[in-house]
Structures are given as structure tokens and as C-alpha cells.
Amino acid sequence: MRDAMLRAAAALGIGLGIGLAGWLAAAAPAGAREPWEGTWVIGGGDCAAPGEAVLELTASGMSFHESFCRFAAVAPAGVEGAWAVEAVCEGEGERWTRRLLLLLHGEHWNALTLYEGDFTSYDRCG
């Protein structure tokens, strides 16, 4: 899985400072239920008491400790269960852009890995 993510990230230019505009042409359809939607906790965390380790994903964005990101663009990343995302984020008085790769894996896609130069693994809650 890690090798597949690295290949997808390299092909998309994530981590290389290449802009997303050239390869993120398709946005997620409005109102569609996306497979990544739900509540996630950092791998090994407790969904009953997640604290700062919780990540809420919707079709249009994600929220995490005192921050929210709106997905400006989402496109399939060329690997099953993977999407390239450009997000505009705000939190704690700051605003920034994130380029990341979402990868669902595991039985029934119950695990999520975010790649943004480093890998962060999450488990689906519920």
C-alpha cells in the first residue's frame, strides 16, 4: 500500500511543490456520498474518547482540532481507493492550502491514510 501511495503521489506531484490545477480537473459531485465520509481517529486511538485525534470527513471538507478545510478540488488518484485533494483550510486565525492524498484501505475500507509528505493513518469510527 505504501508503495502504491508513493507512486500515486509522485505521479501527481504531491510533495514536489507542483501545483494541482493541471491535474485536478474533476470535483466531487454535489450531494454524493463519498466513501471517505465519516468520523476517523488516528490509528490506535479511542473513538469513544478521541480528543484531538479525531478527523471528520465530508464530501466537501474535513475538520480536525480547531480547524476546517474546504475541498477546493478532488480527483481520483489513479490507484483504487485513492483521491488527490486540494483543500483551503482555516483555524486558529490562520489560513493555508493543503495538498494531500486520501487512501482508503483495509476490510470494507475501514482504514484511511493521509499523505502530505508524511503518512498519517486513521481508523473509521462506528
C-alpha atoms as a PDB file:
ATOM      1  CA  MET A   1       0.000   0.000   0.000  1.00  0.00           C
ATOM      2  CA  ARG A   2       2.749   2.481   0.925  1.00  0.00           C
ATOM      3  CA  ASP A   3       4.447   1.932  -2.455  1.00  0.00           C
ATOM      4  CA  ALA A   4       1.156   2.474  -4.306  1.00  0.00           C
ATOM      5  CA  MET A   5       0.604   5.741  -2.418  1.00  0.00           C
ATOM      6  CA  LEU A   6       4.119   6.936  -3.134  1.00  0.00           C
ATOM      7  CA  ARG A   7       3.680   6.141  -6.854  1.00  0.00           C
ATOM      8  CA  ALA A   8       0.349   7.988  -6.939  1.00  0.00           C
ATOM      9  CA  ALA A   9       1.783  10.935  -5.018  1.00  0.00           C
ATOM     10  CA  ALA A  10       4.810  11.125  -7.316  1.00  0.00           C
ATOM     11  CA  ALA A  11       2.644  10.947 -10.427  1.00  0.00           C
ATOM     12  CA  LEU A  12       0.505  13.774  -9.072  1.00  0.00           C
ATOM     13  CA  GLY A  13       3.389  15.898  -7.874  1.00  0.00           C
ATOM     14  CA  ILE A  14       2.430  15.834  -4.190  1.00  0.00           C
ATOM     15  CA  GLY A  15       5.437  16.602  -2.085  1.00  0.00           C
ATOM     16  CA  LEU A  16       7.298  18.015  -5.075  1.00  0.00           C
ATOM     17  CA  GLY A  17       5.787  21.504  -4.982  1.00  0.00           C
ATOM     18  CA  ILE A  18       3.957  21.059  -8.290  1.00  0.00           C
ATOM     19  CA  GLY A  19       0.570  22.820  -8.465  1.00  0.00           C
ATOM     20  CA  LEU A  20      -2.619  20.800  -8.524  1.00  0.00           C
ATOM     21  CA  ALA A  21      -4.515  22.890 -11.058  1.00  0.00           C
ATOM     22  CA  GLY A  22      -3.188  20.919 -14.014  1.00  0.00           C
ATOM     23  CA  TRP A  23      -4.274  17.535 -12.769  1.00  0.00           C
ATOM     24  CA  LEU A  24      -7.283  18.205 -10.507  1.00  0.00           C
ATOM     25  CA  ALA A  25      -9.989  18.744 -13.088  1.00  0.00           C
ATOM     26  CA  ALA A  26     -12.946  16.978 -11.508  1.00  0.00           C
ATOM     27  CA  ALA A  27     -14.722  17.940  -8.290  1.00  0.00           C
ATOM     28  CA  ALA A  28     -16.829  15.547  -6.239  1.00  0.00           C
ATOM     29  CA  PRO A  29     -20.471  15.662  -7.336  1.00  0.00           C
ATOM     30  CA  ALA A  30     -22.629  17.808  -5.050  1.00  0.00           C
ATOM     31  CA  GLY A  31     -24.688  15.762  -2.633  1.00  0.00           C
ATOM     32  CA  ALA A  32     -22.960  12.449  -3.457  1.00  0.00           C
ATOM     33  CA  ARG A  33     -21.976  10.229  -0.541  1.00  0.00           C
ATOM     34  CA  GLU A  34     -18.244   9.719  -0.799  1.00  0.00           C
ATOM     35  CA  PRO A  35     -16.605   6.585   0.612  1.00  0.00           C
ATOM     36  CA  TRP A  36     -14.280   8.608   2.844  1.00  0.00           C
ATOM     37  CA  GLU A  37     -17.127  10.385   4.657  1.00  0.00           C
ATOM     38  CA  GLY A  38     -17.342   9.781   8.390  1.00  0.00           C
ATOM     39  CA  THR A  39     -15.501  10.090  11.653  1.00  0.00           C
ATOM     40  CA  TRP A  40     -11.924   8.855  11.855  1.00  0.00           C
ATOM     41  CA  VAL A  41      -9.456   8.598  14.725  1.00  0.00           C
ATOM     42  CA  ILE A  42      -5.669   8.405  14.495  1.00  0.00           C
ATOM     43  CA  GLY A  43      -4.652   4.738  14.350  1.00  0.00           C
ATOM     44  CA  GLY A  44      -4.744   3.141  17.763  1.00  0.00           C
ATOM     45  CA  GLY A  45      -6.913   5.961  19.157  1.00  0.00           C
ATOM     46  CA  ASP A  46     -10.181   5.563  21.002  1.00  0.00           C
ATOM     47  CA  CYS A  47     -13.312   6.555  19.066  1.00  0.00           C
ATOM     48  CA  ALA A  48     -15.218   6.870  22.359  1.00  0.00           C
ATOM     49  CA  ALA A  49     -12.774   9.497  23.658  1.00  0.00           C
ATOM     50  CA  PRO A  50     -10.847  10.743  20.622  1.00  0.00           C
ATOM     51  CA  GLY A  51      -9.747  14.176  21.940  1.00  0.00           C
ATOM     52  CA  GLU A  52      -7.548  15.908  19.381  1.00  0.00           C
ATOM     53  CA  ALA A  53      -7.044  12.705  17.368  1.00  0.00           C
ATOM     54  CA  VAL A  54     -10.442  12.870  15.612  1.00  0.00           C
ATOM     55  CA  LEU A  55     -10.907  13.758  11.940  1.00  0.00           C
ATOM     56  CA  GLU A  56     -14.372  14.423  10.459  1.00  0.00           C
ATOM     57  CA  LEU A  57     -14.559  13.973   6.680  1.00  0.00           C
ATOM     58  CA  THR A  58     -17.476  15.027   4.460  1.00  0.00           C
ATOM     59  CA  ALA A  59     -17.792  15.157   0.677  1.00  0.00           C
ATOM     60  CA  SER A  60     -16.812  18.829   0.749  1.00  0.00           C
ATOM     61  CA  GLY A  61     -14.238  19.080   3.516  1.00  0.00           C
ATOM     62  CA  MET A  62     -12.685  17.957   6.751  1.00  0.00           C
ATOM     63  CA  SER A  63     -12.490  19.232  10.284  1.00  0.00           C
ATOM     64  CA  PHE A  64      -9.931  18.461  12.936  1.00  0.00           C
ATOM     65  CA  HIS A  65      -8.707  20.074  16.136  1.00  0.00           C
ATOM     66  CA  GLU A  66      -9.869  23.719  15.912  1.00  0.00           C
ATOM     67  CA  SER A  67      -9.528  23.771  12.102  1.00  0.00           C
ATOM     68  CA  PHE A  68     -11.652  23.183   8.993  1.00  0.00           C
ATOM     69  CA  CYS A  69     -10.609  22.536   5.382  1.00  0.00           C
ATOM     70  CA  ARG A  70     -12.914  23.011   2.391  1.00  0.00           C
ATOM     71  CA  PHE A  71     -12.088  20.710  -0.503  1.00  0.00           C
ATOM     72  CA  ALA A  72     -11.430  23.015  -3.460  1.00  0.00           C
ATOM     73  CA  ALA A  73     -10.776  20.063  -5.801  1.00  0.00           C
ATOM     74  CA  VAL A  74     -10.967  16.272  -5.541  1.00  0.00           C
ATOM     75  CA  ALA A  75      -9.903  13.822  -8.257  1.00  0.00           C
ATOM     76  CA  PRO A  76      -9.230  10.084  -8.484  1.00  0.00           C
ATOM     77  CA  ALA A  77      -5.510   9.496  -7.957  1.00  0.00           C
ATOM     78  CA  GLY A  78      -5.013   6.536 -10.287  1.00  0.00           C
ATOM     79  CA  VAL A  79      -4.960   3.930  -7.512  1.00  0.00           C
ATOM     80  CA  GLU A  80      -8.166   2.210  -6.372  1.00  0.00           C
ATOM     81  CA  GLY A  81      -9.459   3.907  -3.233  1.00  0.00           C
ATOM     82  CA  ALA A  82      -7.215   6.968  -3.639  1.00  0.00           C
ATOM     83  CA  TRP A  83      -8.119  10.613  -4.258  1.00  0.00           C
ATOM     84  CA  ALA A  84      -5.975  13.694  -4.671  1.00  0.00           C
ATOM     85  CA  VAL A  85      -7.315  16.684  -2.767  1.00  0.00           C
ATOM     86  CA  GLU A  86      -6.579  20.370  -2.735  1.00  0.00           C
ATOM     87  CA  ALA A  87      -8.024  21.954   0.400  1.00  0.00           C
ATOM     88  CA  VAL A  88      -8.292  25.510   1.666  1.00  0.00           C
ATOM     89  CA  CYS A  89      -8.030  25.471   5.448  1.00  0.00           C
ATOM     90  CA  GLU A  90      -8.689  27.859   8.316  1.00  0.00           C
ATOM     91  CA  GLY A  91      -8.065  27.601  12.021  1.00  0.00           C
ATOM     92  CA  GLU A  92      -6.686  29.468  14.977  1.00  0.00           C
ATOM     93  CA  GLY A  93      -6.631  32.723  12.974  1.00  0.00           C
ATOM     94  CA  GLU A  94      -4.591  31.240  10.109  1.00  0.00           C
ATOM     95  CA  ARG A  95      -5.450  30.278   6.510  1.00  0.00           C
ATOM     96  CA  TRP A  96      -3.484  27.830   4.350  1.00  0.00           C
ATOM     97  CA  THR A  97      -3.722  25.425   1.411  1.00  0.00           C
ATOM     98  CA  ARG A  98      -3.123  21.692   1.776  1.00  0.00           C
ATOM     99  CA  ARG A  99      -2.375  19.189  -0.971  1.00  0.00           C
ATOM    100  CA  LEU A 100      -2.990  15.656   0.151  1.00  0.00           C
ATOM    101  CA  LEU A 101      -3.757  12.158  -0.931  1.00  0.00           C
ATOM    102  CA  LEU A 102      -6.609  10.214   0.703  1.00  0.00           C
ATOM    103  CA  LEU A 103      -6.267   6.442   0.534  1.00  0.00           C
ATOM    104  CA  LEU A 104      -8.929   4.078   1.845  1.00  0.00           C
ATOM    105  CA  HIS A 105      -7.841   0.513   2.548  1.00  0.00           C
ATOM    106  CA  GLY A 106      -8.500  -2.419   4.817  1.00  0.00           C
ATOM    107  CA  GLU A 107     -11.559  -4.616   5.007  1.00  0.00           C
ATOM    108  CA  HIS A 108     -14.573  -2.591   3.843  1.00  0.00           C
ATOM    109  CA  TRP A 109     -12.308   0.474   3.540  1.00  0.00           C
ATOM    110  CA  ASN A 110     -12.255   0.894   7.298  1.00  0.00           C
ATOM    111  CA  ALA A 111      -8.779   2.460   7.349  1.00  0.00           C
ATOM    112  CA  LEU A 112      -7.645   5.771   5.910  1.00  0.00           C
ATOM    113  CA  THR A 113      -4.173   7.073   5.246  1.00  0.00           C
ATOM    114  CA  LEU A 114      -3.496  10.727   4.522  1.00  0.00           C
ATOM    115  CA  TYR A 115      -0.316  11.520   2.653  1.00  0.00           C
ATOM    116  CA  GLU A 116       1.007  15.047   2.838  1.00  0.00           C
ATOM    117  CA  GLY A 117       4.728  14.425   2.666  1.00  0.00           C
ATOM    118  CA  ASP A 118       4.298  12.056   5.626  1.00  0.00           C
ATOM    119  CA  PHE A 119       1.767   9.278   6.226  1.00  0.00           C
ATOM    120  CA  THR A 120      -0.900   9.550   8.934  1.00  0.00           C
ATOM    121  CA  SER A 121      -3.152   6.538   9.465  1.00  0.00           C
ATOM    122  CA  TYR A 122      -6.714   6.660  10.796  1.00  0.00           C
ATOM    123  CA  ASP A 123      -9.327   4.072  11.746  1.00  0.00           C
ATOM    124  CA  ARG A 124     -13.004   4.571  10.901  1.00  0.00           C
ATOM    125  CA  CYS A 125     -15.264   5.106  13.925  1.00  0.00           C
ATOM    126  CA  GLY A 126     -18.679   3.471  14.060  1.00  0.00           C
END
